[in-house]
Amino acid sequence: MNPSSRLPLPPYAARLSRDAAHPILVMCGSGAWEIAKRDDWFPGWKIIFPWGEDIGAYHWPVAGRSCLVQCYGSPEPDIRLQNLCVALVRAGASRVFGAWTSPVALYRPRARAA
């Protein structure tokens, strides 16, 4: 068993659509909870990186999916957001876009050699 699978899922992950064609919105920042609780705000497409939490405390269910990391309210420090993007790539995300600074950071995992 993968040790990360024993970790809890981030908030709203249990509601994610199983359709891998849908990207995942990773909401973070001090205002993420307030916006995420609205039922009409990306239902089935969003998860939350809780403000100030440990990135490694969660099992990120993003394998094979594109992710957009978006801050609401006061953002986490850039280094934490970059580390979140790296964690999402390590969890199997096909692409990770970070929309918290200019220019937009893009993480695209390299294809593994066959």
C-alpha atoms as a PDB file:
ATOM      1  CA  MET A   1       0.000   0.000   0.000  1.00  0.00           C
ATOM      2  CA  ASN A   2       1.243   3.465  -0.897  1.00  0.00           C
ATOM      3  CA  PRO A   3       1.892   5.429   2.338  1.00  0.00           C
ATOM      4  CA  SER A   4       0.389   8.582   0.811  1.00  0.00           C
ATOM      5  CA  SER A   5      -2.928   6.785   0.315  1.00  0.00           C
ATOM      6  CA  ARG A   6      -3.284   6.664   4.112  1.00  0.00           C
ATOM      7  CA  LEU A   7      -3.223  10.446   4.279  1.00  0.00           C
ATOM      8  CA  PRO A   8      -6.512  12.351   4.262  1.00  0.00           C
ATOM      9  CA  LEU A   9      -7.800  13.898   1.077  1.00  0.00           C
ATOM     10  CA  PRO A  10      -7.871  17.689   0.871  1.00  0.00           C
ATOM     11  CA  PRO A  11     -11.249  19.369   1.427  1.00  0.00           C
ATOM     12  CA  TYR A  12     -13.772  18.856  -1.391  1.00  0.00           C
ATOM     13  CA  ALA A  13     -11.740  16.016  -2.946  1.00  0.00           C
ATOM     14  CA  ALA A  14     -14.467  13.478  -2.162  1.00  0.00           C
ATOM     15  CA  ARG A  15     -16.752  15.469  -4.476  1.00  0.00           C
ATOM     16  CA  LEU A  16     -14.394  15.499  -7.478  1.00  0.00           C
ATOM     17  CA  SER A  17     -15.789  14.417 -10.817  1.00  0.00           C
ATOM     18  CA  ARG A  18     -14.325  11.135 -12.002  1.00  0.00           C
ATOM     19  CA  ASP A  19     -14.104  12.564 -15.527  1.00  0.00           C
ATOM     20  CA  ALA A  20     -10.350  12.926 -16.103  1.00  0.00           C
ATOM     21  CA  ALA A  21     -11.005  15.415 -18.900  1.00  0.00           C
ATOM     22  CA  HIS A  22     -12.027  17.989 -16.297  1.00  0.00           C
ATOM     23  CA  PRO A  23      -9.147  19.968 -14.802  1.00  0.00           C
ATOM     24  CA  ILE A  24      -8.950  20.433 -11.052  1.00  0.00           C
ATOM     25  CA  LEU A  25      -9.030  23.873  -9.476  1.00  0.00           C
ATOM     26  CA  VAL A  26      -6.753  23.865  -6.419  1.00  0.00           C
ATOM     27  CA  MET A  27      -8.023  26.759  -4.319  1.00  0.00           C
ATOM     28  CA  CYS A  28      -5.731  28.340  -1.761  1.00  0.00           C
ATOM     29  CA  GLY A  29      -5.275  31.577   0.128  1.00  0.00           C
ATOM     30  CA  SER A  30      -7.094  33.147   3.035  1.00  0.00           C
ATOM     31  CA  GLY A  31     -10.363  33.496   1.086  1.00  0.00           C
ATOM     32  CA  ALA A  32     -10.526  30.031  -0.469  1.00  0.00           C
ATOM     33  CA  TRP A  33     -12.979  28.537   2.046  1.00  0.00           C
ATOM     34  CA  GLU A  34     -15.462  31.376   1.643  1.00  0.00           C
ATOM     35  CA  ILE A  35     -15.609  30.969  -2.126  1.00  0.00           C
ATOM     36  CA  ALA A  36     -15.410  27.163  -2.197  1.00  0.00           C
ATOM     37  CA  LYS A  37     -18.443  26.695   0.020  1.00  0.00           C
ATOM     38  CA  ARG A  38     -20.679  28.112  -2.722  1.00  0.00           C
ATOM     39  CA  ASP A  39     -22.359  25.148  -4.414  1.00  0.00           C
ATOM     40  CA  ASP A  40     -22.323  26.882  -7.803  1.00  0.00           C
ATOM     41  CA  TRP A  41     -18.554  27.505  -7.753  1.00  0.00           C
ATOM     42  CA  PHE A  42     -16.923  24.741  -9.845  1.00  0.00           C
ATOM     43  CA  PRO A  43     -18.892  21.815  -8.392  1.00  0.00           C
ATOM     44  CA  GLY A  44     -16.916  18.599  -8.803  1.00  0.00           C
ATOM     45  CA  TRP A  45     -13.813  20.399 -10.040  1.00  0.00           C
ATOM     46  CA  LYS A  46     -12.295  21.957  -6.919  1.00  0.00           C
ATOM     47  CA  ILE A  47     -10.179  21.036  -3.938  1.00  0.00           C
ATOM     48  CA  ILE A  48      -8.741  23.283  -1.236  1.00  0.00           C
ATOM     49  CA  PHE A  49      -5.208  23.622   0.016  1.00  0.00           C
ATOM     50  CA  PRO A  50      -6.107  24.924   3.483  1.00  0.00           C
ATOM     51  CA  TRP A  51      -4.386  28.136   4.539  1.00  0.00           C
ATOM     52  CA  GLY A  52      -1.191  27.429   6.495  1.00  0.00           C
ATOM     53  CA  GLU A  53      -1.521  23.631   6.353  1.00  0.00           C
ATOM     54  CA  ASP A  54       1.307  21.193   5.600  1.00  0.00           C
ATOM     55  CA  ILE A  55       1.330  20.212   1.909  1.00  0.00           C
ATOM     56  CA  GLY A  56       2.551  16.727   2.814  1.00  0.00           C
ATOM     57  CA  ALA A  57      -0.375  16.182   5.189  1.00  0.00           C
ATOM     58  CA  TYR A  58      -2.691  15.338   2.264  1.00  0.00           C
ATOM     59  CA  HIS A  59      -3.063  12.703  -0.417  1.00  0.00           C
ATOM     60  CA  TRP A  60      -3.541  14.764  -3.605  1.00  0.00           C
ATOM     61  CA  PRO A  61      -5.943  12.867  -5.953  1.00  0.00           C
ATOM     62  CA  VAL A  62      -4.757  14.503  -9.185  1.00  0.00           C
ATOM     63  CA  ALA A  63      -3.180  11.641 -11.167  1.00  0.00           C
ATOM     64  CA  GLY A  64      -3.656  12.158 -14.888  1.00  0.00           C
ATOM     65  CA  ARG A  65      -5.424  15.500 -14.445  1.00  0.00           C
ATOM     66  CA  SER A  66      -4.480  19.086 -15.216  1.00  0.00           C
ATOM     67  CA  CYS A  67      -4.506  21.406 -12.210  1.00  0.00           C
ATOM     68  CA  LEU A  68      -4.838  25.160 -11.813  1.00  0.00           C
ATOM     69  CA  VAL A  69      -3.549  26.551  -8.504  1.00  0.00           C
ATOM     70  CA  GLN A  70      -5.447  29.766  -7.802  1.00  0.00           C
ATOM     71  CA  CYS A  71      -5.247  32.019  -4.733  1.00  0.00           C
ATOM     72  CA  TYR A  72      -8.199  33.864  -3.224  1.00  0.00           C
ATOM     73  CA  GLY A  73      -7.721  36.562  -0.626  1.00  0.00           C
ATOM     74  CA  SER A  74      -4.211  36.770   0.821  1.00  0.00           C
ATOM     75  CA  PRO A  75      -1.983  34.210  -0.917  1.00  0.00           C
ATOM     76  CA  GLU A  76       0.391  31.758   0.659  1.00  0.00           C
ATOM     77  CA  PRO A  77       4.066  32.696   0.185  1.00  0.00           C
ATOM     78  CA  ASP A  78       5.341  31.938  -3.330  1.00  0.00           C
ATOM     79  CA  ILE A  79       7.713  29.214  -2.105  1.00  0.00           C
ATOM     80  CA  ARG A  80       4.824  27.298  -0.514  1.00  0.00           C
ATOM     81  CA  LEU A  81       2.778  27.616  -3.697  1.00  0.00           C
ATOM     82  CA  GLN A  82       5.708  26.381  -5.759  1.00  0.00           C
ATOM     83  CA  ASN A  83       6.097  23.447  -3.363  1.00  0.00           C
ATOM     84  CA  LEU A  84       2.385  22.729  -3.750  1.00  0.00           C
ATOM     85  CA  CYS A  85       2.821  22.616  -7.527  1.00  0.00           C
ATOM     86  CA  VAL A  86       5.736  20.204  -7.150  1.00  0.00           C
ATOM     87  CA  ALA A  87       3.638  18.000  -4.830  1.00  0.00           C
ATOM     88  CA  LEU A  88       0.826  17.930  -7.404  1.00  0.00           C
ATOM     89  CA  VAL A  89       3.263  16.882 -10.140  1.00  0.00           C
ATOM     90  CA  ARG A  90       4.667  14.165  -7.870  1.00  0.00           C
ATOM     91  CA  ALA A  91       1.105  13.002  -7.228  1.00  0.00           C
ATOM     92  CA  GLY A  92       0.711  12.441 -10.974  1.00  0.00           C
ATOM     93  CA  ALA A  93      -0.849  15.639 -12.309  1.00  0.00           C
ATOM     94  CA  SER A  94      -0.431  15.882 -16.067  1.00  0.00           C
ATOM     95  CA  ARG A  95       0.062  19.673 -15.889  1.00  0.00           C
ATOM     96  CA  VAL A  96       0.026  22.255 -13.141  1.00  0.00           C
ATOM     97  CA  PHE A  97      -0.594  25.924 -13.814  1.00  0.00           C
ATOM     98  CA  GLY A  98       0.011  28.433 -11.045  1.00  0.00           C
ATOM     99  CA  ALA A  99      -1.973  31.643 -11.362  1.00  0.00           C
ATOM    100  CA  TRP A 100      -0.804  33.520  -8.291  1.00  0.00           C
ATOM    101  CA  THR A 101       2.050  35.594  -9.752  1.00  0.00           C
ATOM    102  CA  SER A 102       3.013  37.123 -13.053  1.00  0.00           C
ATOM    103  CA  PRO A 103       4.134  35.437 -15.197  1.00  0.00           C
ATOM    104  CA  VAL A 104       2.118  32.294 -14.648  1.00  0.00           C
ATOM    105  CA  ALA A 105       4.242  29.372 -13.495  1.00  0.00           C
ATOM    106  CA  LEU A 106       3.822  26.154 -15.433  1.00  0.00           C
ATOM    107  CA  TYR A 107       4.952  22.737 -14.314  1.00  0.00           C
ATOM    108  CA  ARG A 108       4.771  19.996 -16.895  1.00  0.00           C
ATOM    109  CA  PRO A 109       6.169  16.606 -15.921  1.00  0.00           C
ATOM    110  CA  ARG A 110       8.563  15.074 -18.412  1.00  0.00           C
ATOM    111  CA  ALA A 111       7.333  11.978 -20.203  1.00  0.00           C
ATOM    112  CA  ARG A 112       8.927   8.908 -18.750  1.00  0.00           C
ATOM    113  CA  ALA A 113      11.115   6.815 -20.993  1.00  0.00           C
ATOM    114  CA  ALA A 114       9.452   3.613 -22.130  1.00  0.00           C
END
